[in-house]
Amino acid sequence: QVQLVESGGGFVQAGGSLRLSCTASGRTTSGYAMGWFRQAPGKEREFAAAITWNGVTSYYADSVKGRFIISRDNAKNTVYLQMDNLNPEDTAVYYCAADQDTSRLRTVQSMTGYWGQGTQVTVSS
């Protein structure tokens, strides 16, 4: 069993930056692909970014590409999401996810692994 705990959310003005962290406990996630999803008010949860177990390859939704960077530190069982040039459309609850197959981290429906409880990000205009 893996427990994922997100941190780093908060309130920021448009154009600002935040760095989210997700730390895993219970068992190592070094063999797991990790990802971030987000859910805006009244909308479905959507994919934002994912990274392979070894950190070599990362994937991004078009809406965040060029502004967000996902990274991981397997020694710390932690994955990060650096979010720059934030805009109000980025306001959402951000969820960390872990799955043994990177391809399953691209949609909510295909995810079979673990979810965190979420952290709120609010961007004001």
Protein backbone atom coordinates (compact mmCIF):
# COMPACT_ATOMS: atom_id res chain seq x y z
CA GLN A 1 0.00 0.00 0.00
CA VAL A 2 1.18 3.49 -0.86
CA GLN A 3 0.07 6.70 0.79
CA LEU A 4 0.58 9.95 -1.12
CA VAL A 5 0.55 13.32 0.62
CA GLU A 6 0.59 16.56 -1.34
CA SER A 7 1.77 19.93 -0.09
CA GLY A 8 2.64 23.35 -1.45
CA GLY A 9 -0.73 24.52 -2.62
CA GLY A 10 -1.98 27.99 -1.84
CA PHE A 11 -3.09 31.33 -3.15
CA VAL A 12 -1.10 33.20 -5.79
CA GLN A 13 -1.66 36.07 -8.18
CA ALA A 14 -1.68 35.58 -11.93
CA GLY A 15 1.83 35.33 -13.29
CA GLY A 16 3.13 33.88 -10.05
CA SER A 17 4.63 30.49 -9.23
CA LEU A 18 4.04 27.60 -6.89
CA ARG A 19 5.85 24.35 -6.28
CA LEU A 20 3.84 21.32 -5.29
CA SER A 21 5.35 18.32 -3.56
CA CYS A 22 4.02 14.80 -3.15
CA THR A 23 5.70 12.45 -0.73
CA ALA A 24 4.98 8.75 -0.68
CA SER A 25 5.01 6.52 2.36
CA GLY A 26 4.16 2.92 3.09
CA ARG A 27 6.39 1.52 0.41
CA THR A 28 8.86 2.90 -2.07
CA THR A 29 7.53 4.42 -5.26
CA SER A 30 10.86 4.29 -7.05
CA GLY A 31 9.44 1.72 -9.46
CA TYR A 32 6.26 3.70 -10.05
CA ALA A 33 5.49 6.34 -12.59
CA MET A 34 4.17 9.47 -10.87
CA GLY A 35 1.81 12.12 -12.06
CA TRP A 36 -0.32 15.14 -11.29
CA PHE A 37 -3.97 15.60 -12.12
CA ARG A 38 -6.18 18.56 -11.37
CA GLN A 39 -9.87 19.22 -10.89
CA ALA A 40 -11.32 22.68 -11.31
CA PRO A 41 -14.68 23.61 -9.76
CA GLY A 42 -17.53 22.02 -11.70
CA LYS A 43 -15.19 20.14 -14.00
CA GLU A 44 -13.89 16.61 -14.27
CA ARG A 45 -10.45 15.65 -13.01
CA GLU A 46 -7.90 15.95 -15.80
CA PHE A 47 -4.32 14.95 -16.50
CA ALA A 48 -1.65 17.63 -16.00
CA ALA A 49 1.78 15.94 -16.00
CA ALA A 50 3.51 12.59 -15.53
CA ILE A 51 7.05 11.29 -15.20
CA THR A 52 8.51 7.83 -15.68
CA TRP A 53 9.87 5.83 -12.76
CA ASN A 54 13.45 6.80 -13.57
CA GLY A 55 12.70 10.46 -14.25
CA VAL A 56 13.95 10.26 -17.82
CA THR A 57 10.74 11.05 -19.64
CA SER A 58 7.95 13.45 -18.75
CA TYR A 59 4.57 14.18 -20.29
CA TYR A 60 2.39 17.27 -20.11
CA ALA A 61 -1.11 18.33 -20.98
CA ASP A 62 -1.13 20.99 -23.69
CA SER A 63 -2.66 23.45 -21.24
CA VAL A 64 0.40 23.38 -18.97
CA LYS A 65 3.20 22.63 -21.41
CA GLY A 66 5.97 25.22 -21.22
CA ARG A 67 4.79 26.49 -17.82
CA PHE A 68 4.87 23.42 -15.55
CA ILE A 69 7.78 21.07 -14.88
CA ILE A 70 7.47 17.70 -13.19
CA SER A 71 10.47 16.14 -11.46
CA ARG A 72 11.18 13.49 -8.87
CA ASP A 73 13.68 12.51 -6.21
CA ASN A 74 13.46 8.76 -5.67
CA ALA A 75 15.78 8.92 -2.67
CA LYS A 76 13.13 11.08 -0.98
CA ASN A 77 10.12 9.26 -2.45
CA THR A 78 8.94 12.66 -3.64
CA VAL A 79 7.63 14.10 -6.88
CA TYR A 80 7.41 17.81 -7.58
CA LEU A 81 5.40 20.07 -9.84
CA GLN A 82 6.94 23.47 -10.50
CA MET A 83 4.20 25.75 -11.80
CA ASP A 84 5.19 29.07 -13.36
CA ASN A 85 3.26 31.83 -15.07
CA LEU A 86 0.06 30.70 -13.39
CA ASN A 87 -3.28 32.00 -14.59
CA PRO A 88 -6.79 31.84 -13.11
CA GLU A 89 -7.61 28.83 -15.32
CA ASP A 90 -5.05 26.85 -13.31
CA THR A 91 -7.21 27.17 -10.19
CA ALA A 92 -8.02 23.62 -9.10
CA VAL A 93 -7.40 20.90 -6.58
CA TYR A 94 -4.18 19.17 -7.61
CA TYR A 95 -3.89 15.45 -7.02
CA CYS A 96 -0.76 13.34 -6.98
CA ALA A 97 -0.98 9.87 -8.49
CA ALA A 98 1.24 6.80 -8.72
CA ASP A 99 0.95 3.84 -11.06
CA GLN A 100 3.31 1.10 -12.18
CA ASP A 101 2.51 1.85 -15.82
CA THR A 102 3.18 5.37 -17.13
CA SER A 103 0.57 4.97 -19.85
CA ARG A 104 -2.15 4.56 -17.24
CA LEU A 105 -1.27 7.95 -15.77
CA ARG A 106 -2.75 9.82 -18.74
CA THR A 107 -6.45 9.61 -17.84
CA VAL A 108 -8.45 9.20 -14.66
CA GLN A 109 -10.26 6.21 -16.15
CA SER A 110 -7.07 4.29 -16.86
CA MET A 111 -5.49 4.91 -13.45
CA THR A 112 -5.27 1.77 -11.34
CA GLY A 113 -2.75 2.93 -8.75
CA TYR A 114 -2.82 5.36 -5.87
CA TRP A 115 -4.18 8.87 -5.32
CA GLY A 116 -3.29 11.59 -2.88
CA GLN A 117 -5.93 13.62 -1.05
CA GLY A 118 -5.31 16.77 -3.09
CA THR A 119 -4.04 20.28 -2.46
CA GLN A 120 -5.84 23.48 -3.45
CA VAL A 121 -4.25 25.97 -5.83
CA THR A 122 -6.02 29.28 -6.29
CA VAL A 123 -4.84 31.85 -8.83
CA SER A 124 -6.34 35.33 -8.72
CA SER A 125 -6.52 37.66 -11.69
